[in-house]
Amino acid sequence: MANKDFIIENDILIKYTGAGGNVTIPEGITSIGEKAFYDYKSLTNITIPEGVTSIGDWAFTFCENLSSVTLPNSITSIGDRAFCYCNNLSNITIPDSVTSIGTAAFLGCDSLASITVPDSITSISPQVFCNCARLAKVSLPESVTKIGDWAFARCVNLVEINIPSNITRIGAKAFKECEKLRNITIPDSVTSIGHWAFRDCKGLAQKDGLVIVKDTVYNYFGKKTSITIPKSVTKIADWAFRGCDNLTSITIPKSVTDIGDGAFFECKKLTDINVPDSVTNIGRLAFYDCKGLADENGLVIAGNTLYDYFGEDTSITIPDNVTSIRDWAFKDCTTLTNITLPDSVKSIGDGAFFNCTNLIYITISNNVTSIDKHAFQYCSNLMNFIVPNSVTSIGDEAFEYCTNLMNIIIPNSVTSIGAGTFSGCENVIIHTTPGSFAQNYAQENDIPFVTI
């Protein structure tokens, strides 16, 4: 093979221009440059000589027919996406000389069935083996201390992987959708497991259908109507029970301190759930559309937080024990015209009253410190609004398309008003004190204002 097939500068292979097939890189090359063989679909085999120390980013990306790669012991680094979507690459031996494997280096290598990571590697990069559909077995050395985000996600045939005893962090979605993964053991050294790390890992489900890894419930694949979470659990992960239509009753032990975002999202038949005092955090949308949990007034309240409303009243008074109105709690409640919030309420979440098109009057106490984004967006019949002196910020698009809003009083306590807060409010006048942030905001956005 003639050297004319290679563009070489300063011992770096910049670009391959040959016909493909079986390619041997010339002696004297020290580095394979970025995108040197990018999208070379005619390439089937590559032999890399001793002396090459690095493979650049995207070097062999989309070489769909590349089936064999010989890496010499001189290689120390494999760049980001170096072999990404090499669909026919079925076998590759990573030598002990390699100390760095870049992000998504083998992403989408559908034919790769097994991989052994050498002792020289200390961190598994994000997405490095993501979407390797045939990958069934992975061997990690004790030198590895971190597994990055999405590292093995969607490896749908992955059955076996060892987690070394020195691992401290498993990244977000690291094993997401590894549905055949069985019997994974998490060592005590692990101090951090990221969001959705074991989401949709059906093979890890216990007899009761719960997927529990270390101290966290990640999923439920059972068919029971009633379930008791074990006392070993301290956290219910984001969206863990999302759309579990069969569940009517869940018992949560006092060991649980954290309930994640959307944990019981759309569990519409859920009628009985206890939230123990041990729980210090409940994520957004945790009980969204859980109609079965609504009280006689149509309110879904867990602890001191109001999550949803399923009533059809025109006027409602929120109970005195409620301290927080969570995200989208009254979304699309078009029958409501009048809402009274008690002094106990301290926060109003994103989109809390979104598209309450007939809402005319709402009272907010002086304990509320912020009005979050989209809070009153599309409340087209809201005409007058008083922002309490306790509020310091108003979020993006909080009053967008409140088309009948005419007067809003904003105190000088407000030091932040988000983008598009009054977009579509063609008749609004801001009432505020001279020199306030709200006055400057009105001037900068060509909104009429009156000083008070």
Protein backbone atom coordinates (compact mmCIF):
# COMPACT_ATOMS: atom_id res chain seq x y z
CA MET A 1 0.00 0.00 0.00
CA ALA A 2 1.54 3.26 -1.14
CA ASN A 3 2.21 6.13 1.22
CA LYS A 4 0.37 8.34 -1.26
CA ASP A 5 -2.82 7.01 0.38
CA PHE A 6 -1.89 8.86 3.57
CA ILE A 7 -1.63 12.57 4.31
CA ILE A 8 1.07 12.86 6.98
CA GLU A 9 2.32 15.96 8.78
CA ASN A 10 4.95 15.90 11.51
CA ASP A 11 4.50 12.13 11.99
CA ILE A 12 0.74 12.61 12.48
CA LEU A 13 -1.64 10.81 10.13
CA ILE A 14 -3.98 13.62 9.13
CA LYS A 15 -6.12 11.83 6.55
CA TYR A 16 -6.41 8.50 4.76
CA THR A 17 -7.36 8.76 1.05
CA GLY A 18 -6.97 5.17 -0.17
CA ALA A 19 -9.46 2.55 -1.34
CA GLY A 20 -10.08 0.97 2.05
CA GLY A 21 -10.15 -2.79 2.68
CA ASN A 22 -7.24 -4.06 4.78
CA VAL A 23 -5.12 -1.08 5.76
CA THR A 24 -1.74 -1.02 7.48
CA ILE A 25 -0.62 2.35 8.79
CA PRO A 26 2.99 3.17 7.80
CA GLU A 27 5.88 2.95 10.24
CA GLY A 28 7.02 6.21 11.77
CA ILE A 29 3.51 7.48 12.52
CA THR A 30 3.16 8.57 16.16
CA SER A 31 -0.47 9.69 16.19
CA ILE A 32 -3.68 9.09 14.25
CA GLY A 33 -5.30 12.48 13.91
CA GLU A 34 -8.85 13.65 14.44
CA LYS A 35 -11.28 12.20 11.86
CA ALA A 36 -8.41 10.56 9.93
CA PHE A 37 -10.67 7.69 8.76
CA TYR A 38 -14.04 9.35 9.52
CA ASP A 39 -16.98 7.74 7.67
CA TYR A 40 -14.68 5.44 5.63
CA LYS A 41 -17.25 2.73 4.95
CA SER A 42 -14.91 0.70 2.70
CA LEU A 43 -12.42 0.17 5.56
CA THR A 44 -12.57 -3.42 6.87
CA ASN A 45 -9.35 -4.00 8.85
CA ILE A 46 -6.75 -1.71 10.35
CA THR A 47 -3.26 -2.56 11.63
CA ILE A 48 -1.58 0.10 13.74
CA PRO A 49 2.21 -0.21 14.11
CA GLU A 50 4.35 0.12 17.25
CA GLY A 51 5.24 3.76 17.76
CA VAL A 52 1.69 5.14 17.53
CA THR A 53 0.79 6.54 20.97
CA SER A 54 -2.61 8.12 20.41
CA ILE A 55 -5.80 7.73 18.39
CA GLY A 56 -7.51 11.07 17.90
CA ASP A 57 -11.13 12.08 18.40
CA TRP A 58 -13.55 10.69 15.79
CA ALA A 59 -10.64 8.89 14.10
CA PHE A 60 -12.70 5.87 12.91
CA THR A 61 -16.24 7.12 13.54
CA PHE A 62 -18.85 5.62 11.16
CA CYS A 63 -16.40 3.09 9.72
CA GLU A 64 -19.36 0.74 9.54
CA ASN A 65 -17.52 -2.22 7.97
CA LEU A 66 -14.44 -2.12 10.18
CA SER A 67 -14.34 -5.57 11.79
CA SER A 68 -10.80 -5.93 13.11
CA VAL A 69 -8.38 -3.54 14.83
CA THR A 70 -4.90 -4.35 16.06
CA LEU A 71 -3.71 -1.93 18.76
CA PRO A 72 0.01 -1.96 19.63
CA ASN A 73 1.40 -1.73 23.15
CA SER A 74 2.61 1.80 22.41
CA ILE A 75 -0.94 3.24 22.45
CA THR A 76 -1.63 5.36 25.55
CA SER A 77 -4.86 7.16 24.64
CA ILE A 78 -8.00 6.52 22.60
CA GLY A 79 -9.85 9.73 21.79
CA ASP A 80 -13.48 10.74 22.12
CA ARG A 81 -15.76 8.79 19.74
CA ALA A 82 -12.68 7.17 18.17
CA PHE A 83 -14.59 4.02 17.11
CA CYS A 84 -18.11 5.38 17.51
CA TYR A 85 -20.68 3.49 15.39
CA CYS A 86 -18.21 0.96 14.00
CA ASN A 87 -21.13 -1.44 13.71
CA ASN A 88 -19.13 -4.50 12.61
CA LEU A 89 -16.31 -4.21 15.13
CA SER A 90 -16.68 -7.48 17.02
CA ASN A 91 -13.41 -7.78 18.88
CA ILE A 92 -10.80 -5.37 20.14
CA THR A 93 -8.05 -5.88 22.70
CA ILE A 94 -7.12 -2.78 24.66
CA PRO A 95 -3.44 -3.04 25.68
CA ASP A 96 -2.18 -2.28 29.20
CA SER A 97 -0.40 0.79 27.87
CA VAL A 98 -3.71 2.63 27.41
CA THR A 99 -4.42 5.03 30.29
CA SER A 100 -7.26 7.01 28.75
CA ILE A 101 -10.35 6.01 26.75
CA GLY A 102 -12.40 9.01 25.65
CA THR A 103 -16.09 9.81 25.87
CA ALA A 104 -18.28 7.59 23.66
CA ALA A 105 -15.17 5.89 22.22
CA PHE A 106 -17.11 2.70 21.38
CA LEU A 107 -20.63 4.12 21.33
CA GLY A 108 -22.94 2.10 19.07
CA CYS A 109 -20.46 -0.71 18.33
CA ASP A 110 -23.31 -3.19 17.87
CA SER A 111 -21.13 -6.25 17.20
CA LEU A 112 -18.85 -5.91 20.23
CA ALA A 113 -19.69 -8.90 22.44
CA SER A 114 -17.19 -8.62 25.29
CA ILE A 115 -14.60 -6.21 26.56
CA THR A 116 -11.77 -6.34 29.08
CA VAL A 117 -10.63 -3.00 30.43
CA PRO A 118 -6.89 -2.98 31.34
CA ASP A 119 -5.49 -2.23 34.80
CA SER A 120 -4.10 1.05 33.50
CA ILE A 121 -7.60 2.61 33.33
CA THR A 122 -8.92 4.40 36.43
CA SER A 123 -12.12 5.92 35.04
CA ILE A 124 -14.79 4.66 32.63
CA SER A 125 -15.71 7.67 30.50
CA PRO A 126 -19.27 8.80 29.79
CA GLN A 127 -21.11 6.89 27.01
CA VAL A 128 -17.99 4.83 26.30
CA PHE A 129 -19.90 1.57 25.62
CA CYS A 130 -23.41 3.03 25.33
CA ASN A 131 -25.67 1.33 22.75
CA CYS A 132 -23.37 -1.69 22.34
CA ALA A 133 -26.32 -3.97 21.69
CA ARG A 134 -24.43 -7.32 21.74
CA LEU A 135 -22.15 -6.57 24.65
CA ALA A 136 -22.83 -9.38 27.14
CA LYS A 137 -19.84 -9.40 29.45
CA VAL A 138 -17.59 -6.66 30.81
CA SER A 139 -14.55 -7.09 33.02
CA LEU A 140 -13.45 -4.03 34.98
CA PRO A 141 -10.12 -3.93 36.84
CA GLU A 142 -9.74 -2.92 40.50
CA SER A 143 -8.01 0.25 39.31
CA VAL A 144 -11.34 1.75 38.17
CA THR A 145 -12.84 4.25 40.64
CA LYS A 146 -15.55 5.93 38.54
CA ILE A 147 -18.14 4.87 35.96
CA GLY A 148 -19.32 7.80 33.88
CA ASP A 149 -22.80 8.90 32.82
CA TRP A 150 -24.44 6.60 30.23
CA ALA A 151 -21.30 4.43 30.22
CA PHE A 152 -23.16 1.14 29.56
CA ALA A 153 -26.65 2.49 28.90
CA ARG A 154 -28.79 0.53 26.42
CA CYS A 155 -26.45 -2.46 26.41
CA VAL A 156 -29.59 -4.56 26.16
CA ASN A 157 -27.76 -7.91 26.26
CA LEU A 158 -25.37 -7.09 29.07
CA VAL A 159 -25.74 -9.88 31.62
CA GLU A 160 -22.57 -9.70 33.64
CA ILE A 161 -20.36 -6.89 34.94
CA ASN A 162 -18.21 -6.70 38.03
CA ILE A 163 -18.13 -3.50 40.07
CA PRO A 164 -14.61 -3.15 41.51
CA SER A 165 -14.20 -2.61 45.24
CA ASN A 166 -12.60 0.81 44.73
CA ILE A 167 -15.50 2.38 42.80
CA THR A 168 -16.76 5.60 44.43
CA ARG A 169 -19.16 6.93 41.78
CA ILE A 170 -21.61 5.42 39.30
CA GLY A 171 -22.85 8.09 36.92
CA ALA A 172 -26.32 9.07 35.80
CA LYS A 173 -28.01 6.51 33.51
CA ALA A 174 -24.83 4.41 33.62
CA PHE A 175 -26.78 1.15 33.17
CA LYS A 176 -30.10 2.51 31.92
CA GLU A 177 -32.07 -0.06 29.87
CA CYS A 178 -29.61 -2.88 30.56
CA GLU A 179 -32.66 -5.08 30.83
CA LYS A 180 -30.82 -8.43 31.06
CA LEU A 181 -28.37 -7.38 33.77
CA ARG A 182 -28.46 -9.78 36.73
CA ASN A 183 -27.20 -9.74 40.32
CA ILE A 184 -25.06 -6.63 40.39
CA THR A 185 -23.19 -6.04 43.65
CA ILE A 186 -22.46 -2.48 44.73
CA PRO A 187 -19.46 -2.22 47.10
CA ASP A 188 -19.47 -0.05 50.22
CA SER A 189 -16.93 2.23 48.56
CA VAL A 190 -19.66 3.69 46.31
CA THR A 191 -20.76 7.03 47.73
CA SER A 192 -22.64 8.41 44.71
CA ILE A 193 -25.08 6.81 42.26
CA GLY A 194 -26.45 9.17 39.63
CA HIS A 195 -29.94 9.83 38.34
CA TRP A 196 -31.59 6.81 36.64
CA ALA A 197 -28.40 4.76 36.91
CA PHE A 198 -30.39 1.49 36.87
CA ARG A 199 -33.59 2.66 35.19
CA ASP A 200 -35.43 -0.08 33.23
CA CYS A 201 -33.04 -2.83 34.38
CA LYS A 202 -35.80 -5.46 34.45
CA GLY A 203 -33.38 -8.28 35.15
CA LEU A 204 -32.55 -6.77 38.54
CA ALA A 205 -36.17 -6.94 39.72
CA GLN A 206 -36.81 -8.94 42.89
CA LYS A 207 -39.71 -11.36 43.30
CA ASP A 208 -41.98 -8.51 44.33
CA GLY A 209 -41.06 -6.59 41.16
CA LEU A 210 -38.93 -3.93 42.84
CA VAL A 211 -35.56 -2.99 41.38
CA ILE A 212 -33.47 -2.07 44.42
CA VAL A 213 -29.79 -1.28 44.10
CA LYS A 214 -27.93 -0.55 47.30
CA ASP A 215 -30.51 1.55 49.21
CA THR A 216 -32.57 2.95 46.33
CA VAL A 217 -35.75 1.80 44.55
CA TYR A 218 -35.27 2.45 40.82
CA ASN A 219 -38.24 0.70 39.23
CA TYR A 220 -41.24 -1.49 39.80
CA PHE A 221 -42.16 -4.24 37.33
CA GLY A 222 -44.64 -6.16 39.47
CA LYS A 223 -48.38 -6.60 39.03
CA LYS A 224 -49.48 -6.37 42.66
CA THR A 225 -51.99 -3.78 43.79
CA SER A 226 -50.32 -3.33 47.16
CA ILE A 227 -46.62 -3.15 47.94
CA THR A 228 -44.44 -2.55 50.99
CA ILE A 229 -41.03 -1.03 50.42
CA PRO A 230 -38.28 -2.76 52.47
CA LYS A 231 -36.79 -1.03 55.52
CA SER A 232 -33.35 -1.08 53.88
CA VAL A 233 -34.47 1.57 51.36
CA THR A 234 -33.59 5.23 51.97
CA LYS A 235 -34.52 6.69 48.59
CA ILE A 236 -37.20 6.29 45.92
CA ALA A 237 -35.60 7.33 42.64
CA ASP A 238 -37.01 9.70 40.04
CA TRP A 239 -40.00 8.23 38.15
CA ALA A 240 -39.60 4.88 39.95
CA PHE A 241 -43.32 4.00 39.91
CA ARG A 242 -44.34 6.12 36.94
CA GLY A 243 -47.56 4.88 35.31
CA CYS A 244 -47.97 1.84 37.58
CA ASP A 245 -51.68 1.49 36.86
CA ASN A 246 -52.24 -1.52 39.14
CA LEU A 247 -50.99 0.04 42.36
CA THR A 248 -53.58 1.11 44.89
CA SER A 249 -51.51 1.04 48.09
CA ILE A 250 -47.84 1.69 48.95
CA THR A 251 -46.25 1.50 52.38
CA ILE A 252 -43.10 3.59 52.76
CA PRO A 253 -40.82 2.80 55.72
CA LYS A 254 -39.36 5.42 58.08
CA SER A 255 -35.93 4.71 56.62
CA VAL A 256 -36.86 6.65 53.45
CA THR A 257 -35.67 10.26 53.40
CA ASP A 258 -35.95 11.14 49.72
CA ILE A 259 -38.71 10.71 47.12
CA GLY A 260 -37.56 11.67 43.63
CA ASP A 261 -39.12 13.65 40.80
CA GLY A 262 -42.20 12.00 39.31
CA ALA A 263 -41.80 9.04 41.67
CA PHE A 264 -45.53 8.18 41.54
CA PHE A 265 -46.36 10.09 38.35
CA GLU A 266 -49.71 8.96 36.86
CA CYS A 267 -50.35 6.23 39.42
CA LYS A 268 -54.01 6.99 38.88
CA LYS A 269 -55.43 4.15 41.02
CA LEU A 270 -53.22 4.86 44.02
CA THR A 271 -55.56 5.56 46.94
CA ASP A 272 -53.40 4.86 49.96
CA ILE A 273 -49.86 6.05 50.60
CA ASN A 274 -48.11 7.08 53.77
CA VAL A 275 -45.32 9.66 53.67
CA PRO A 276 -43.36 9.26 56.91
CA ASP A 277 -41.87 12.23 58.78
CA SER A 278 -38.42 10.90 57.88
CA VAL A 279 -38.90 12.14 54.28
CA THR A 280 -37.14 15.49 53.94
CA ASN A 281 -37.33 15.87 50.17
CA ILE A 282 -40.12 15.17 47.69
CA GLY A 283 -39.34 15.96 44.06
CA ARG A 284 -41.38 17.86 41.51
CA LEU A 285 -44.35 16.07 39.95
CA ALA A 286 -43.97 13.26 42.50
CA PHE A 287 -47.74 12.72 42.74
CA TYR A 288 -48.83 14.24 39.43
CA ASP A 289 -52.17 12.90 38.16
CA CYS A 290 -52.61 10.58 41.17
CA LYS A 291 -56.36 11.07 41.13
CA GLY A 292 -57.01 8.38 43.70
CA LEU A 293 -55.15 10.36 46.37
CA ALA A 294 -57.44 13.39 46.12
CA ASP A 295 -59.41 14.36 49.24
CA GLU A 296 -63.09 15.33 49.31
CA ASN A 297 -62.16 18.77 47.92
CA GLY A 298 -60.21 17.29 45.04
CA LEU A 299 -56.81 18.22 46.53
CA VAL A 300 -53.81 15.88 46.55
CA ILE A 301 -51.83 16.79 49.65
CA ALA A 302 -48.85 14.80 50.96
CA GLY A 303 -47.14 16.06 54.09
CA ASN A 304 -47.49 19.84 53.87
CA THR A 305 -47.36 20.05 50.11
CA LEU A 306 -50.21 20.41 47.62
CA TYR A 307 -49.43 18.41 44.45
CA ASP A 308 -52.58 18.36 42.35
CA TYR A 309 -56.23 19.37 42.13
CA PHE A 310 -59.05 17.33 40.58
CA GLY A 311 -62.09 19.29 41.75
CA GLU A 312 -64.49 21.32 39.66
CA ASP A 313 -65.32 24.13 42.09
CA THR A 314 -65.21 27.76 41.05
CA SER A 315 -63.78 28.86 44.41
CA ILE A 316 -61.37 27.08 46.73
CA THR A 317 -59.51 27.81 49.95
CA ILE A 318 -56.25 25.94 50.50
CA PRO A 319 -55.95 24.33 53.98
CA ASP A 320 -53.82 26.07 56.62
CA ASN A 321 -51.31 23.23 56.87
CA VAL A 322 -50.10 23.60 53.27
CA THR A 323 -46.69 25.26 52.97
CA SER A 324 -45.93 24.63 49.30
CA ILE A 325 -47.88 24.64 46.02
CA ARG A 326 -45.86 22.36 43.77
CA ASP A 327 -45.19 22.56 40.05
CA TRP A 328 -48.30 22.47 37.79
CA ALA A 329 -50.60 21.73 40.75
CA PHE A 330 -53.60 23.61 39.26
CA LYS A 331 -52.62 23.30 35.59
CA ASP A 332 -55.62 23.59 33.24
CA CYS A 333 -58.15 24.04 36.10
CA THR A 334 -60.45 26.12 33.95
CA THR A 335 -63.41 26.13 36.36
CA LEU A 336 -61.58 28.04 39.11
CA THR A 337 -62.28 31.75 39.42
CA ASN A 338 -61.17 32.41 43.00
CA ILE A 339 -58.31 30.89 45.05
CA THR A 340 -57.33 31.78 48.60
CA LEU A 341 -53.88 30.74 49.83
CA PRO A 342 -53.24 30.61 53.59
CA ASP A 343 -50.37 32.41 55.33
CA SER A 344 -48.64 29.05 55.70
CA VAL A 345 -47.80 28.90 51.97
CA LYS A 346 -44.16 29.82 51.35
CA SER A 347 -43.55 28.76 47.75
CA ILE A 348 -45.46 28.63 44.46
CA GLY A 349 -43.94 26.20 41.94
CA ASP A 350 -43.40 26.27 38.21
CA GLY A 351 -46.65 26.51 36.27
CA ALA A 352 -48.66 26.17 39.49
CA PHE A 353 -51.72 27.95 38.00
CA PHE A 354 -50.85 27.51 34.32
CA ASN A 355 -53.81 27.99 31.96
CA CYS A 356 -56.38 28.64 34.70
CA THR A 357 -58.22 30.63 32.08
CA ASN A 358 -61.11 31.74 34.30
CA LEU A 359 -59.06 32.69 37.36
CA ILE A 360 -59.98 36.23 38.34
CA TYR A 361 -58.85 36.61 41.93
CA ILE A 362 -56.07 35.07 44.03
CA THR A 363 -54.60 36.15 47.36
CA ILE A 364 -50.97 35.42 48.20
CA SER A 365 -49.53 35.79 51.69
CA ASN A 366 -46.45 37.70 52.80
CA ASN A 367 -44.61 34.42 53.44
CA VAL A 368 -44.16 33.66 49.73
CA THR A 369 -40.62 34.58 48.62
CA SER A 370 -40.76 33.73 44.92
CA ILE A 371 -43.21 33.29 42.07
CA ASP A 372 -41.69 30.65 39.79
CA LYS A 373 -41.69 30.54 36.00
CA HIS A 374 -44.97 29.96 34.14
CA ALA A 375 -46.83 30.28 37.48
CA PHE A 376 -49.80 32.22 36.03
CA GLN A 377 -49.11 31.82 32.31
CA TYR A 378 -52.28 31.90 30.17
CA CYS A 379 -54.49 33.01 33.09
CA SER A 380 -56.32 35.13 30.56
CA ASN A 381 -59.01 36.50 32.91
CA LEU A 382 -56.65 37.61 35.70
CA MET A 383 -57.07 41.39 35.83
CA ASN A 384 -55.29 42.64 38.96
CA PHE A 385 -52.45 41.16 40.96
CA ILE A 386 -50.63 42.20 44.14
CA VAL A 387 -47.12 40.81 44.61
CA PRO A 388 -46.43 40.52 48.38
CA ASN A 389 -43.54 42.43 49.98
CA SER A 390 -41.88 39.11 50.80
CA VAL A 391 -41.31 38.18 47.13
CA THR A 392 -37.81 38.74 45.76
CA SER A 393 -38.08 37.09 42.35
CA ILE A 394 -40.61 36.53 39.56
CA GLY A 395 -39.72 33.77 37.09
CA ASP A 396 -39.64 33.58 33.31
CA GLU A 397 -43.03 33.94 31.59
CA ALA A 398 -44.78 33.96 34.97
CA PHE A 399 -47.64 36.14 33.63
CA GLU A 400 -47.19 35.58 29.90
CA TYR A 401 -50.43 35.86 27.92
CA CYS A 402 -52.48 37.03 30.87
CA THR A 403 -54.25 39.02 28.19
CA ASN A 404 -56.65 40.86 30.54
CA LEU A 405 -54.06 41.74 33.17
CA MET A 406 -54.28 45.47 33.68
CA ASN A 407 -52.62 46.28 37.01
CA ILE A 408 -49.85 44.55 38.90
CA ILE A 409 -48.25 45.94 42.04
CA ILE A 410 -44.60 44.95 42.37
CA PRO A 411 -42.80 45.98 45.60
CA ASN A 412 -39.16 47.08 45.81
CA SER A 413 -38.34 43.74 47.45
CA VAL A 414 -38.38 42.21 43.95
CA THR A 415 -34.84 42.19 42.54
CA SER A 416 -35.32 39.69 39.72
CA ILE A 417 -37.93 39.47 36.93
CA GLY A 418 -37.48 36.76 34.31
CA ALA A 419 -37.58 36.85 30.53
CA GLY A 420 -40.96 37.20 28.86
CA THR A 421 -42.74 37.62 32.19
CA PHE A 422 -45.34 39.96 30.70
CA SER A 423 -45.25 38.94 27.02
CA GLY A 424 -48.72 39.14 25.52
CA CYS A 425 -49.98 41.38 28.38
CA GLU A 426 -50.75 44.31 26.11
CA ASN A 427 -52.73 46.32 28.66
CA VAL A 428 -50.65 45.77 31.79
CA ILE A 429 -49.42 48.65 33.93
CA ILE A 430 -46.74 48.02 36.56
CA HIS A 431 -47.28 49.85 39.84
CA THR A 432 -44.08 50.19 41.84
CA THR A 433 -41.93 52.49 43.98
CA PRO A 434 -39.60 55.07 42.41
CA GLY A 435 -36.15 53.73 41.53
CA SER A 436 -37.13 50.12 42.10
CA PHE A 437 -35.94 47.15 40.07
CA ALA A 438 -39.49 46.79 38.71
CA GLN A 439 -39.41 50.39 37.42
CA ASN A 440 -36.14 49.78 35.60
CA TYR A 441 -37.52 46.52 34.21
CA ALA A 442 -40.63 48.32 32.93
CA GLN A 443 -38.54 51.02 31.24
CA GLU A 444 -36.19 48.51 29.63
CA ASN A 445 -39.11 46.45 28.28
CA ASP A 446 -41.35 49.35 27.22
CA ILE A 447 -44.05 48.46 29.76
CA PRO A 448 -46.17 51.32 31.16
CA PHE A 449 -45.60 51.96 34.87
CA VAL A 450 -46.89 54.13 37.68
CA THR A 451 -44.86 55.02 40.77
CA ILE A 452 -46.60 54.71 44.13
